[in-house]
């Protein structure tokens, strides 16, 4: 996953604004998808593309703030999509509210092109980094799921740097049995050292 895979999602009920922003981001080399309403975005976004969401605040039926809250409430999205608000009706209280809800930036219209491009670049970098971490975690969790409960216990103790005799004593099993579990664990995970096991456990959120 890299920045060339990222998409800038523009949600604004002003057609001229959508066209202007699409032209700007396209000229800067970004992939762009535009939506005329928050509902339109929710119906079409599948949650699996990195990038950023550029939101107007005041829109019919569902405001940008309501869309932000809806996304915060949703579960199951593979990728967290950073939100940038771009509004001609902003004030300090509104900006604070959006930032507290997780927005990464709040910009007022009219906004200089370079300021907007810089904000988008920061948001995309964050999204791509999070998507890579999520992919690594999923890969690690899938690998660790192949272990038995006992092999997982052995793996955790191996990650702590404990020798086989110490592991055997802590688990109440023989040293020979620990050796078998160590071998099976390494084979299933395709690893060759306790340090590699530790890194995989960390990536999978086990330690």
N, C-alpha and C. Protein backbone atom coordinates (compact mmCIF):
# COMPACT_ATOMS: atom_id res chain seq x y z
N UNK A 1 0.85 -1.19 0.00
CA UNK A 1 0.00 0.00 0.00
C UNK A 1 0.89 1.24 0.00
N UNK A 2 0.67 2.13 -0.97
CA UNK A 2 1.46 3.36 -1.01
C UNK A 2 0.56 4.52 -1.42
N UNK A 3 1.14 5.71 -1.50
CA UNK A 3 0.34 6.91 -1.73
C UNK A 3 -0.29 6.94 -3.12
N UNK A 4 0.25 6.19 -4.06
CA UNK A 4 -0.36 6.15 -5.39
C UNK A 4 -1.69 5.41 -5.37
N UNK A 5 -1.93 4.63 -4.31
CA UNK A 5 -3.21 3.92 -4.17
C UNK A 5 -4.27 4.80 -3.51
N UNK A 6 -3.86 5.93 -2.97
CA UNK A 6 -4.77 6.77 -2.20
C UNK A 6 -5.78 7.50 -3.09
N UNK A 7 -6.94 7.76 -2.49
CA UNK A 7 -8.00 8.48 -3.19
C UNK A 7 -8.44 9.66 -2.32
N UNK A 8 -8.60 10.82 -2.94
CA UNK A 8 -9.13 11.99 -2.24
C UNK A 8 -10.64 11.99 -2.45
N UNK A 9 -11.39 11.82 -1.39
CA UNK A 9 -12.85 11.80 -1.46
C UNK A 9 -13.38 13.19 -1.13
N UNK A 10 -14.03 13.80 -2.10
CA UNK A 10 -14.56 15.17 -1.93
C UNK A 10 -16.07 15.10 -1.79
N UNK A 11 -16.58 15.59 -0.66
CA UNK A 11 -18.03 15.62 -0.44
C UNK A 11 -18.47 17.07 -0.27
N UNK A 12 -19.20 17.57 -1.26
CA UNK A 12 -19.64 18.97 -1.24
C UNK A 12 -20.88 19.09 -2.12
N UNK A 13 -21.90 19.77 -1.65
CA UNK A 13 -23.14 19.90 -2.43
C UNK A 13 -23.03 20.95 -3.54
N UNK A 14 -21.93 21.68 -3.58
CA UNK A 14 -21.70 22.70 -4.61
C UNK A 14 -20.96 22.05 -5.79
N UNK A 15 -21.66 21.91 -6.92
CA UNK A 15 -21.08 21.23 -8.08
C UNK A 15 -19.83 21.94 -8.59
N UNK A 16 -19.84 23.25 -8.60
CA UNK A 16 -18.68 24.01 -9.08
C UNK A 16 -17.48 23.78 -8.17
N UNK A 17 -17.73 23.72 -6.88
CA UNK A 17 -16.64 23.46 -5.94
C UNK A 17 -16.07 22.06 -6.14
N UNK A 18 -16.95 21.09 -6.37
CA UNK A 18 -16.48 19.73 -6.61
C UNK A 18 -15.58 19.67 -7.84
N UNK A 19 -16.01 20.33 -8.90
CA UNK A 19 -15.22 20.34 -10.13
C UNK A 19 -13.87 21.01 -9.91
N UNK A 20 -13.88 22.12 -9.19
CA UNK A 20 -12.65 22.87 -8.94
C UNK A 20 -11.66 22.03 -8.11
N UNK A 21 -12.17 21.38 -7.08
CA UNK A 21 -11.29 20.57 -6.24
C UNK A 21 -10.80 19.34 -6.98
N UNK A 22 -11.65 18.74 -7.78
CA UNK A 22 -11.24 17.56 -8.56
C UNK A 22 -10.13 17.94 -9.53
N UNK A 23 -10.25 19.10 -10.16
CA UNK A 23 -9.21 19.57 -11.09
C UNK A 23 -7.90 19.80 -10.35
N UNK A 24 -7.98 20.44 -9.18
CA UNK A 24 -6.78 20.73 -8.39
C UNK A 24 -6.05 19.45 -8.00
N UNK A 25 -6.79 18.48 -7.45
CA UNK A 25 -6.15 17.25 -6.99
C UNK A 25 -5.67 16.39 -8.15
N UNK A 26 -6.43 16.38 -9.23
CA UNK A 26 -6.01 15.63 -10.42
C UNK A 26 -4.72 16.22 -10.98
N UNK A 27 -4.63 17.56 -11.01
CA UNK A 27 -3.42 18.23 -11.50
C UNK A 27 -2.21 17.93 -10.64
N UNK A 28 -2.47 17.67 -9.35
CA UNK A 28 -1.38 17.36 -8.42
C UNK A 28 -1.03 15.87 -8.42
N UNK A 29 -1.74 15.09 -9.24
CA UNK A 29 -1.41 13.67 -9.37
C UNK A 29 -2.18 12.74 -8.47
N UNK A 30 -3.22 13.25 -7.80
CA UNK A 30 -4.02 12.40 -6.90
C UNK A 30 -5.20 11.78 -7.65
N UNK A 31 -5.62 10.62 -7.18
CA UNK A 31 -6.89 10.05 -7.63
C UNK A 31 -8.01 10.76 -6.85
N UNK A 32 -9.10 11.08 -7.52
CA UNK A 32 -10.17 11.85 -6.89
C UNK A 32 -11.52 11.17 -7.12
N UNK A 33 -12.36 11.20 -6.10
CA UNK A 33 -13.75 10.75 -6.24
C UNK A 33 -14.63 11.82 -5.59
N UNK A 34 -15.65 12.28 -6.30
CA UNK A 34 -16.49 13.35 -5.78
C UNK A 34 -17.90 12.84 -5.48
N UNK A 35 -18.53 13.47 -4.50
CA UNK A 35 -19.86 13.08 -4.05
C UNK A 35 -20.67 14.35 -3.77
N UNK A 36 -21.94 14.35 -4.17
CA UNK A 36 -22.76 15.54 -3.99
C UNK A 36 -23.42 15.61 -2.62
N UNK A 37 -23.35 14.51 -1.87
CA UNK A 37 -23.97 14.52 -0.54
C UNK A 37 -23.29 13.50 0.35
N UNK A 38 -23.51 13.64 1.65
CA UNK A 38 -22.96 12.69 2.62
C UNK A 38 -23.56 11.30 2.40
N UNK A 39 -24.87 11.27 2.10
CA UNK A 39 -25.53 9.99 1.86
C UNK A 39 -24.94 9.27 0.65
N UNK A 40 -24.66 10.05 -0.39
CA UNK A 40 -24.05 9.49 -1.60
C UNK A 40 -22.71 8.85 -1.25
N UNK A 41 -21.92 9.55 -0.45
CA UNK A 41 -20.63 9.00 -0.04
C UNK A 41 -20.80 7.70 0.75
N UNK A 42 -21.68 7.69 1.71
CA UNK A 42 -21.89 6.49 2.54
C UNK A 42 -22.34 5.29 1.72
N UNK A 43 -23.13 5.54 0.68
CA UNK A 43 -23.62 4.45 -0.15
C UNK A 43 -22.53 3.86 -1.04
N UNK A 44 -21.55 4.69 -1.40
CA UNK A 44 -20.55 4.26 -2.38
C UNK A 44 -19.19 3.89 -1.79
N UNK A 45 -18.85 4.40 -0.62
CA UNK A 45 -17.53 4.14 -0.04
C UNK A 45 -17.52 2.79 0.67
N UNK A 46 -16.56 1.93 0.31
CA UNK A 46 -16.53 0.57 0.89
C UNK A 46 -15.58 0.44 2.08
N UNK A 47 -14.88 1.53 2.43
CA UNK A 47 -14.02 1.48 3.61
C UNK A 47 -12.66 0.84 3.41
N UNK A 48 -12.27 0.55 2.17
CA UNK A 48 -11.02 -0.17 1.95
C UNK A 48 -9.99 0.60 1.12
N UNK A 49 -10.24 1.86 0.86
CA UNK A 49 -9.27 2.65 0.10
C UNK A 49 -8.64 3.70 0.99
N UNK A 50 -7.30 3.76 1.03
CA UNK A 50 -6.64 4.80 1.82
C UNK A 50 -6.77 6.14 1.12
N UNK A 51 -6.57 7.21 1.85
CA UNK A 51 -6.65 8.53 1.27
C UNK A 51 -7.09 9.53 2.31
N UNK A 52 -7.99 10.44 1.93
CA UNK A 52 -8.56 11.35 2.91
C UNK A 52 -9.93 11.81 2.44
N UNK A 53 -10.71 12.27 3.39
CA UNK A 53 -12.07 12.73 3.12
C UNK A 53 -12.12 14.23 3.31
N UNK A 54 -12.41 14.95 2.22
CA UNK A 54 -12.51 16.41 2.27
C UNK A 54 -14.00 16.77 2.34
N UNK A 55 -14.41 17.36 3.44
CA UNK A 55 -15.82 17.54 3.74
C UNK A 55 -16.23 19.01 3.85
N UNK A 56 -17.37 19.33 3.23
CA UNK A 56 -18.02 20.60 3.52
C UNK A 56 -18.81 20.41 4.82
N UNK A 57 -19.06 21.49 5.52
CA UNK A 57 -19.79 21.38 6.79
C UNK A 57 -21.29 21.41 6.56
N UNK A 58 -21.76 22.45 5.89
CA UNK A 58 -23.20 22.62 5.70
C UNK A 58 -23.66 22.00 4.39
N UNK A 59 -24.43 20.91 4.49
CA UNK A 59 -24.99 20.24 3.32
C UNK A 59 -26.41 19.79 3.66
N UNK A 60 -27.28 19.66 2.65
CA UNK A 60 -28.65 19.23 2.90
C UNK A 60 -28.70 17.79 3.43
N UNK A 61 -29.73 17.48 4.18
CA UNK A 61 -30.04 16.14 4.68
C UNK A 61 -29.05 15.65 5.74
N UNK A 62 -27.78 15.66 5.42
CA UNK A 62 -26.76 15.25 6.40
C UNK A 62 -25.57 16.18 6.28
N UNK A 63 -25.20 16.83 7.37
CA UNK A 63 -24.08 17.77 7.35
C UNK A 63 -22.76 17.02 7.39
N UNK A 64 -21.68 17.76 7.14
CA UNK A 64 -20.36 17.16 7.24
C UNK A 64 -20.07 16.66 8.64
N UNK A 65 -20.52 17.41 9.64
CA UNK A 65 -20.33 17.00 11.03
C UNK A 65 -21.06 15.69 11.32
N UNK A 66 -22.26 15.56 10.77
CA UNK A 66 -23.03 14.33 10.98
C UNK A 66 -22.38 13.15 10.26
N UNK A 67 -21.82 13.41 9.09
CA UNK A 67 -21.12 12.34 8.38
C UNK A 67 -19.89 11.90 9.17
N UNK A 68 -19.15 12.86 9.72
CA UNK A 68 -18.00 12.51 10.53
C UNK A 68 -18.41 11.63 11.70
N UNK A 69 -19.50 11.99 12.37
CA UNK A 69 -19.98 11.20 13.50
C UNK A 69 -20.42 9.82 13.06
N UNK A 70 -21.07 9.74 11.90
CA UNK A 70 -21.52 8.45 11.36
C UNK A 70 -20.33 7.53 11.12
N UNK A 71 -19.27 8.06 10.54
CA UNK A 71 -18.07 7.27 10.29
C UNK A 71 -17.41 6.84 11.60
N UNK A 72 -17.42 7.73 12.59
CA UNK A 72 -16.85 7.38 13.89
C UNK A 72 -17.63 6.25 14.55
N UNK A 73 -18.93 6.20 14.31
CA UNK A 73 -19.78 5.19 14.93
C UNK A 73 -19.73 3.85 14.21
N UNK A 74 -19.34 3.88 12.94
CA UNK A 74 -19.33 2.64 12.17
C UNK A 74 -18.17 1.76 12.60
N UNK A 75 -18.39 0.47 12.58
CA UNK A 75 -17.33 -0.50 12.85
C UNK A 75 -17.14 -1.34 11.61
N UNK A 76 -15.98 -2.00 11.52
CA UNK A 76 -15.73 -2.88 10.41
C UNK A 76 -15.00 -2.24 9.24
N UNK A 77 -14.75 -0.93 9.31
CA UNK A 77 -13.98 -0.31 8.23
C UNK A 77 -12.52 -0.72 8.36
N UNK A 78 -11.97 -1.22 7.26
CA UNK A 78 -10.59 -1.70 7.31
C UNK A 78 -9.60 -0.55 7.47
N UNK A 79 -9.98 0.60 6.97
CA UNK A 79 -9.05 1.74 6.98
C UNK A 79 -9.72 2.95 7.60
N UNK A 80 -8.99 3.59 8.50
CA UNK A 80 -9.48 4.85 9.07
C UNK A 80 -9.18 5.96 8.07
N UNK A 81 -10.22 6.71 7.69
CA UNK A 81 -10.07 7.74 6.67
C UNK A 81 -9.95 9.11 7.34
N UNK A 82 -8.77 9.74 7.28
CA UNK A 82 -8.61 11.06 7.88
C UNK A 82 -9.55 12.07 7.25
N UNK A 83 -10.09 12.97 8.07
CA UNK A 83 -11.07 13.94 7.61
C UNK A 83 -10.49 15.36 7.64
N UNK A 84 -10.67 16.07 6.54
CA UNK A 84 -10.33 17.49 6.47
C UNK A 84 -11.63 18.24 6.17
N UNK A 85 -11.95 19.22 7.01
CA UNK A 85 -13.13 20.05 6.76
C UNK A 85 -12.70 21.29 5.98
N UNK A 86 -13.48 21.61 4.96
CA UNK A 86 -13.26 22.81 4.16
C UNK A 86 -14.60 23.53 4.08
N UNK A 87 -14.73 24.62 4.82
CA UNK A 87 -16.04 25.26 4.94
C UNK A 87 -15.97 26.77 4.82
N UNK A 88 -17.03 27.33 4.24
CA UNK A 88 -17.15 28.78 4.17
C UNK A 88 -17.96 29.32 5.33
N UNK A 89 -18.35 28.44 6.24
CA UNK A 89 -19.20 28.84 7.37
C UNK A 89 -18.59 28.41 8.71
N UNK A 90 -17.29 28.38 8.76
CA UNK A 90 -16.65 27.88 9.97
C UNK A 90 -16.52 28.94 11.06
N UNK A 91 -16.41 28.46 12.29
CA UNK A 91 -16.07 29.34 13.40
C UNK A 91 -15.21 28.52 14.36
N UNK A 92 -14.69 29.17 15.38
CA UNK A 92 -13.76 28.50 16.29
C UNK A 92 -14.41 27.31 16.99
N UNK A 93 -15.65 27.50 17.45
CA UNK A 93 -16.33 26.42 18.17
C UNK A 93 -16.52 25.20 17.27
N UNK A 94 -16.89 25.45 16.02
CA UNK A 94 -17.08 24.36 15.07
C UNK A 94 -15.77 23.64 14.78
N UNK A 95 -14.71 24.42 14.61
CA UNK A 95 -13.40 23.83 14.34
C UNK A 95 -12.95 22.95 15.51
N UNK A 96 -13.13 23.45 16.72
CA UNK A 96 -12.76 22.67 17.91
C UNK A 96 -13.56 21.39 17.98
N UNK A 97 -14.87 21.48 17.68
CA UNK A 97 -15.72 20.30 17.73
C UNK A 97 -15.26 19.23 16.74
N UNK A 98 -14.94 19.63 15.52
CA UNK A 98 -14.52 18.66 14.52
C UNK A 98 -13.17 18.04 14.87
N UNK A 99 -12.27 18.84 15.40
CA UNK A 99 -10.95 18.33 15.77
C UNK A 99 -11.05 17.35 16.94
N UNK A 100 -11.92 17.65 17.90
CA UNK A 100 -12.12 16.73 19.02
C UNK A 100 -12.71 15.41 18.55
N UNK A 101 -13.48 15.47 17.47
CA UNK A 101 -14.08 14.26 16.92
C UNK A 101 -13.12 13.50 16.01
N UNK A 102 -11.91 14.03 15.85
CA UNK A 102 -10.88 13.29 15.12
C UNK A 102 -10.45 13.87 13.79
N UNK A 103 -11.02 15.00 13.38
CA UNK A 103 -10.60 15.61 12.11
C UNK A 103 -9.12 16.00 12.19
N UNK A 104 -8.43 15.87 11.07
CA UNK A 104 -7.01 16.21 11.10
C UNK A 104 -6.76 17.65 10.68
N UNK A 105 -7.78 18.33 10.13
CA UNK A 105 -7.61 19.74 9.77
C UNK A 105 -8.98 20.38 9.54
N UNK A 106 -9.04 21.70 9.74
CA UNK A 106 -10.24 22.48 9.48
C UNK A 106 -9.81 23.74 8.74
N UNK A 107 -10.18 23.84 7.47
CA UNK A 107 -9.77 24.96 6.64
C UNK A 107 -10.99 25.76 6.20
N UNK A 108 -10.80 27.06 6.04
CA UNK A 108 -11.90 27.93 5.63
C UNK A 108 -11.78 28.30 4.15
N UNK A 109 -12.94 28.34 3.47
CA UNK A 109 -12.99 28.81 2.09
C UNK A 109 -13.00 30.34 2.09
N UNK A 110 -12.32 30.98 1.16
CA UNK A 110 -11.44 30.36 0.16
C UNK A 110 -10.09 29.97 0.80
N UNK A 111 -9.55 28.88 0.33
CA UNK A 111 -8.28 28.37 0.88
C UNK A 111 -7.24 28.32 -0.23
N UNK A 112 -6.03 28.76 0.07
CA UNK A 112 -4.97 28.72 -0.93
C UNK A 112 -4.70 27.27 -1.35
N UNK A 113 -4.48 27.08 -2.64
CA UNK A 113 -4.29 25.73 -3.18
C UNK A 113 -3.18 24.98 -2.45
N UNK A 114 -2.05 25.63 -2.22
CA UNK A 114 -0.92 24.93 -1.62
C UNK A 114 -1.21 24.54 -0.18
N UNK A 115 -1.94 25.38 0.54
CA UNK A 115 -2.31 25.04 1.92
C UNK A 115 -3.18 23.78 1.93
N UNK A 116 -4.12 23.72 1.00
CA UNK A 116 -5.01 22.56 0.91
C UNK A 116 -4.24 21.32 0.48
N UNK A 117 -3.37 21.46 -0.51
CA UNK A 117 -2.58 20.32 -0.98
C UNK A 117 -1.66 19.78 0.12
N UNK A 118 -1.08 20.69 0.90
CA UNK A 118 -0.22 20.26 2.00
C UNK A 118 -1.03 19.49 3.06
N UNK A 119 -2.23 19.98 3.36
CA UNK A 119 -3.08 19.32 4.35
C UNK A 119 -3.48 17.93 3.86
N UNK A 120 -3.82 17.83 2.59
CA UNK A 120 -4.19 16.54 2.00
C UNK A 120 -3.01 15.58 2.01
N UNK A 121 -1.83 16.08 1.69
CA UNK A 121 -0.64 15.24 1.68
C UNK A 121 -0.37 14.64 3.06
N UNK A 122 -0.53 15.44 4.10
CA UNK A 122 -0.33 14.95 5.47
C UNK A 122 -1.37 13.88 5.81
N UNK A 123 -2.61 14.14 5.43
CA UNK A 123 -3.68 13.19 5.73
C UNK A 123 -3.48 11.87 5.00
N UNK A 124 -3.08 11.95 3.74
CA UNK A 124 -2.86 10.73 2.96
C UNK A 124 -1.71 9.92 3.54
N UNK A 125 -0.63 10.59 3.92
CA UNK A 125 0.51 9.88 4.52
C UNK A 125 0.07 9.14 5.77
N UNK A 126 -0.77 9.77 6.57
CA UNK A 126 -1.28 9.13 7.79
C UNK A 126 -2.15 7.92 7.45
N UNK A 127 -3.03 8.08 6.44
CA UNK A 127 -3.92 6.99 6.06
C UNK A 127 -3.14 5.79 5.51
N UNK A 128 -2.16 6.07 4.66
CA UNK A 128 -1.36 4.99 4.07
C UNK A 128 -0.58 4.26 5.15
N UNK A 129 -0.03 5.02 6.11
CA UNK A 129 0.72 4.41 7.21
C UNK A 129 -0.20 3.50 8.04
N UNK A 130 -1.41 3.97 8.32
CA UNK A 130 -2.35 3.18 9.10
C UNK A 130 -2.79 1.93 8.34
N UNK A 131 -2.94 2.05 7.02
CA UNK A 131 -3.36 0.90 6.22
C UNK A 131 -2.25 -0.15 6.17
N UNK A 132 -1.00 0.30 6.11
CA UNK A 132 0.12 -0.65 6.14
C UNK A 132 0.18 -1.38 7.47
N UNK A 133 -0.01 -0.64 8.56
CA UNK A 133 0.00 -1.25 9.88
C UNK A 133 -1.13 -2.26 10.03
N UNK A 134 -2.30 -1.90 9.49
CA UNK A 134 -3.45 -2.80 9.56
C UNK A 134 -3.19 -4.07 8.76
N UNK A 135 -2.56 -3.92 7.60
CA UNK A 135 -2.25 -5.08 6.77
C UNK A 135 -1.24 -5.99 7.47
N UNK A 136 -0.24 -5.39 8.11
CA UNK A 136 0.76 -6.17 8.84
C UNK A 136 0.11 -6.92 10.01
N UNK A 137 -0.80 -6.24 10.70
CA UNK A 137 -1.49 -6.86 11.83
C UNK A 137 -2.34 -8.03 11.37
N UNK A 138 -3.06 -7.85 10.26
CA UNK A 138 -3.90 -8.93 9.74
C UNK A 138 -3.07 -10.14 9.33
N UNK A 139 -1.93 -9.87 8.68
CA UNK A 139 -1.05 -10.96 8.27
C UNK A 139 -0.52 -11.72 9.48
N UNK A 140 -0.09 -10.97 10.50
CA UNK A 140 0.44 -11.58 11.71
C UNK A 140 -0.63 -12.39 12.43
N UNK A 141 -1.83 -11.84 12.53
CA UNK A 141 -2.91 -12.54 13.22
C UNK A 141 -3.30 -13.82 12.51
N UNK A 142 -3.27 -13.79 11.18
CA UNK A 142 -3.58 -15.00 10.40
C UNK A 142 -2.53 -16.08 10.63
N UNK A 143 -1.27 -15.66 10.71
CA UNK A 143 -0.19 -16.62 10.95
C UNK A 143 -0.30 -17.22 12.36
N UNK A 144 -0.55 -16.36 13.35
CA UNK A 144 -0.64 -16.82 14.74
C UNK A 144 -1.86 -17.71 14.97
N UNK A 145 -2.89 -17.55 14.15
CA UNK A 145 -4.10 -18.37 14.29
C UNK A 145 -3.83 -19.83 13.96
N UNK A 146 -2.70 -20.10 13.31
CA UNK A 146 -2.36 -21.49 12.97
C UNK A 146 -1.78 -22.25 14.16
N UNK A 147 -1.42 -21.52 15.21
CA UNK A 147 -0.81 -22.16 16.38
C UNK A 147 -1.88 -22.76 17.30
N UNK A 148 -1.50 -23.84 17.98
CA UNK A 148 -2.38 -24.37 19.02
C UNK A 148 -2.25 -23.49 20.26
N UNK A 149 -3.13 -23.69 21.23
CA UNK A 149 -3.08 -22.89 22.46
C UNK A 149 -1.74 -23.05 23.16
N UNK A 150 -1.23 -24.29 23.21
CA UNK A 150 0.06 -24.54 23.87
C UNK A 150 1.20 -23.91 23.09
N UNK A 151 1.16 -24.00 21.77
CA UNK A 151 2.21 -23.39 20.96
C UNK A 151 2.22 -21.88 21.13
N UNK A 152 1.03 -21.30 21.29
CA UNK A 152 0.95 -19.85 21.52
C UNK A 152 1.59 -19.49 22.86
N UNK A 153 1.34 -20.31 23.89
CA UNK A 153 1.96 -20.07 25.20
C UNK A 153 3.48 -20.12 25.10
N UNK A 154 3.97 -21.12 24.38
CA UNK A 154 5.41 -21.28 24.20
C UNK A 154 5.97 -20.08 23.42
N UNK A 155 5.26 -19.66 22.39
CA UNK A 155 5.70 -18.53 21.58
C UNK A 155 5.83 -17.27 22.42
N UNK A 156 4.85 -17.02 23.28
CA UNK A 156 4.88 -15.83 24.14
C UNK A 156 6.08 -15.86 25.09
N UNK A 157 6.38 -17.02 25.63
CA UNK A 157 7.52 -17.14 26.54
C UNK A 157 8.84 -17.06 25.78
N UNK A 158 8.85 -17.61 24.56
CA UNK A 158 10.04 -17.46 23.71
C UNK A 158 10.31 -15.98 23.44
N UNK A 159 9.24 -15.24 23.18
CA UNK A 159 9.38 -13.81 22.87
C UNK A 159 9.98 -13.04 24.04
N UNK A 160 9.81 -13.57 25.25
CA UNK A 160 10.39 -12.94 26.43
C UNK A 160 11.85 -13.32 26.61
N UNK A 161 12.37 -14.16 25.70
CA UNK A 161 13.76 -14.56 25.75
C UNK A 161 14.05 -15.69 26.71
N UNK A 162 13.03 -16.43 27.10
CA UNK A 162 13.23 -17.50 28.08
C UNK A 162 13.70 -18.78 27.41
N UNK A 163 14.61 -19.45 28.08
CA UNK A 163 15.16 -20.70 27.57
C UNK A 163 14.14 -21.83 27.70
N UNK A 164 14.35 -22.90 26.95
CA UNK A 164 13.42 -24.02 26.95
C UNK A 164 13.21 -24.61 28.34
N UNK A 165 14.28 -24.71 29.13
CA UNK A 165 14.14 -25.28 30.48
C UNK A 165 13.26 -24.39 31.36
N UNK A 166 13.38 -23.09 31.20
CA UNK A 166 12.57 -22.16 31.98
C UNK A 166 11.10 -22.26 31.54
N UNK A 167 10.89 -22.35 30.24
CA UNK A 167 9.53 -22.48 29.71
C UNK A 167 8.89 -23.77 30.21
N UNK A 168 9.68 -24.85 30.19
CA UNK A 168 9.18 -26.14 30.65
C UNK A 168 8.74 -26.07 32.11
N UNK A 169 9.54 -25.41 32.92
CA UNK A 169 9.22 -25.28 34.35
C UNK A 169 7.96 -24.43 34.56
N UNK A 170 7.84 -23.33 33.81
CA UNK A 170 6.69 -22.46 33.98
C UNK A 170 5.38 -23.10 33.51
N UNK A 171 5.49 -23.92 32.48
CA UNK A 171 4.28 -24.54 31.93
C UNK A 171 4.01 -25.93 32.53
N UNK A 172 4.97 -26.44 33.30
CA UNK A 172 4.78 -27.75 33.92
C UNK A 172 4.84 -28.90 32.93
N UNK A 173 5.67 -28.75 31.91
CA UNK A 173 5.85 -29.82 30.92
C UNK A 173 7.34 -30.12 30.79
N UNK A 174 7.65 -31.17 30.04
CA UNK A 174 9.05 -31.56 29.91
C UNK A 174 9.79 -30.66 28.93
N UNK A 175 11.11 -30.63 29.11
CA UNK A 175 11.95 -29.85 28.21
C UNK A 175 11.81 -30.36 26.78
N UNK A 176 11.70 -31.70 26.63
CA UNK A 176 11.56 -32.29 25.29
C UNK A 176 10.26 -31.83 24.63
N UNK A 177 9.19 -31.74 25.42
CA UNK A 177 7.91 -31.29 24.87
C UNK A 177 7.99 -29.84 24.42
N UNK A 178 8.69 -29.02 25.20
CA UNK A 178 8.89 -27.62 24.82
C UNK A 178 9.63 -27.54 23.48
N UNK A 179 10.64 -28.37 23.34
CA UNK A 179 11.42 -28.37 22.09
C UNK A 179 10.53 -28.71 20.89
N UNK A 180 9.62 -29.66 21.09
CA UNK A 180 8.68 -30.02 20.02
C UNK A 180 7.78 -28.85 19.67
N UNK A 181 7.26 -28.19 20.71
CA UNK A 181 6.39 -27.04 20.48
C UNK A 181 7.15 -25.89 19.81
N UNK A 182 8.39 -25.67 20.22
CA UNK A 182 9.21 -24.63 19.59
C UNK A 182 9.39 -24.92 18.11
N UNK A 183 9.71 -26.17 17.80
CA UNK A 183 9.93 -26.56 16.41
C UNK A 183 8.66 -26.36 15.59
N UNK A 184 7.53 -26.83 16.12
CA UNK A 184 6.26 -26.70 15.41
C UNK A 184 5.88 -25.23 15.21
N UNK A 185 6.13 -24.43 16.25
CA UNK A 185 5.82 -23.00 16.16
C UNK A 185 6.62 -22.33 15.07
N UNK A 186 7.92 -22.57 15.05
CA UNK A 186 8.79 -21.98 14.03
C UNK A 186 8.39 -22.43 12.64
N UNK A 187 8.05 -23.69 12.51
CA UNK A 187 7.69 -24.24 11.20
C UNK A 187 6.39 -23.63 10.70
N UNK A 188 5.39 -23.54 11.57
CA UNK A 188 4.10 -22.99 11.16
C UNK A 188 4.21 -21.52 10.80
N UNK A 189 5.04 -20.79 11.53
CA UNK A 189 5.18 -19.36 11.30
C UNK A 189 6.21 -19.02 10.22
N UNK A 190 7.01 -20.00 9.85
CA UNK A 190 8.06 -19.76 8.86
C UNK A 190 9.15 -18.86 9.38
N UNK A 191 9.46 -18.97 10.68
CA UNK A 191 10.46 -18.12 11.32
C UNK A 191 11.64 -18.96 11.80
N UNK A 192 12.72 -18.25 12.20
CA UNK A 192 13.94 -18.96 12.58
C UNK A 192 14.53 -18.52 13.91
N UNK A 193 13.93 -17.56 14.58
CA UNK A 193 14.50 -17.11 15.85
C UNK A 193 13.40 -16.58 16.76
N UNK A 194 13.74 -16.53 18.05
CA UNK A 194 12.79 -16.00 19.03
C UNK A 194 12.52 -14.51 18.79
N UNK A 195 13.52 -13.79 18.29
CA UNK A 195 13.35 -12.37 17.99
C UNK A 195 12.30 -12.17 16.90
N UNK A 196 12.31 -13.04 15.90
CA UNK A 196 11.32 -12.95 14.82
C UNK A 196 9.93 -13.26 15.36
N UNK A 197 9.85 -14.22 16.26
CA UNK A 197 8.57 -14.56 16.90
C UNK A 197 8.05 -13.35 17.67
N UNK A 198 8.93 -12.69 18.40
CA UNK A 198 8.55 -11.51 19.18
C UNK A 198 8.01 -10.41 18.27
N UNK A 199 8.66 -10.18 17.14
CA UNK A 199 8.21 -9.13 16.22
C UNK A 199 6.84 -9.47 15.65
N UNK A 200 6.61 -10.75 15.34
CA UNK A 200 5.32 -11.17 14.81
C UNK A 200 4.21 -11.01 15.86
N UNK A 201 4.51 -11.38 17.08
CA UNK A 201 3.54 -11.21 18.16
C UNK A 201 3.20 -9.74 18.37
N UNK A 202 4.19 -8.89 18.28
CA UNK A 202 3.97 -7.45 18.43
C UNK A 202 3.10 -6.92 17.29
N UNK A 203 3.40 -7.35 16.06
CA UNK A 203 2.62 -6.92 14.90
C UNK A 203 1.18 -7.37 15.00
N UNK A 204 0.98 -8.56 15.61
CA UNK A 204 -0.36 -9.09 15.77
C UNK A 204 -1.07 -8.60 17.00
N UNK A 205 -0.43 -7.72 17.75
CA UNK A 205 -1.04 -7.15 18.95
C UNK A 205 -1.13 -8.12 20.12
N UNK A 206 -0.26 -9.12 20.12
CA UNK A 206 -0.29 -10.12 21.20
C UNK A 206 0.57 -9.72 22.39
N UNK A 207 1.53 -8.87 22.14
CA UNK A 207 2.39 -8.38 23.24
C UNK A 207 2.59 -6.86 23.06
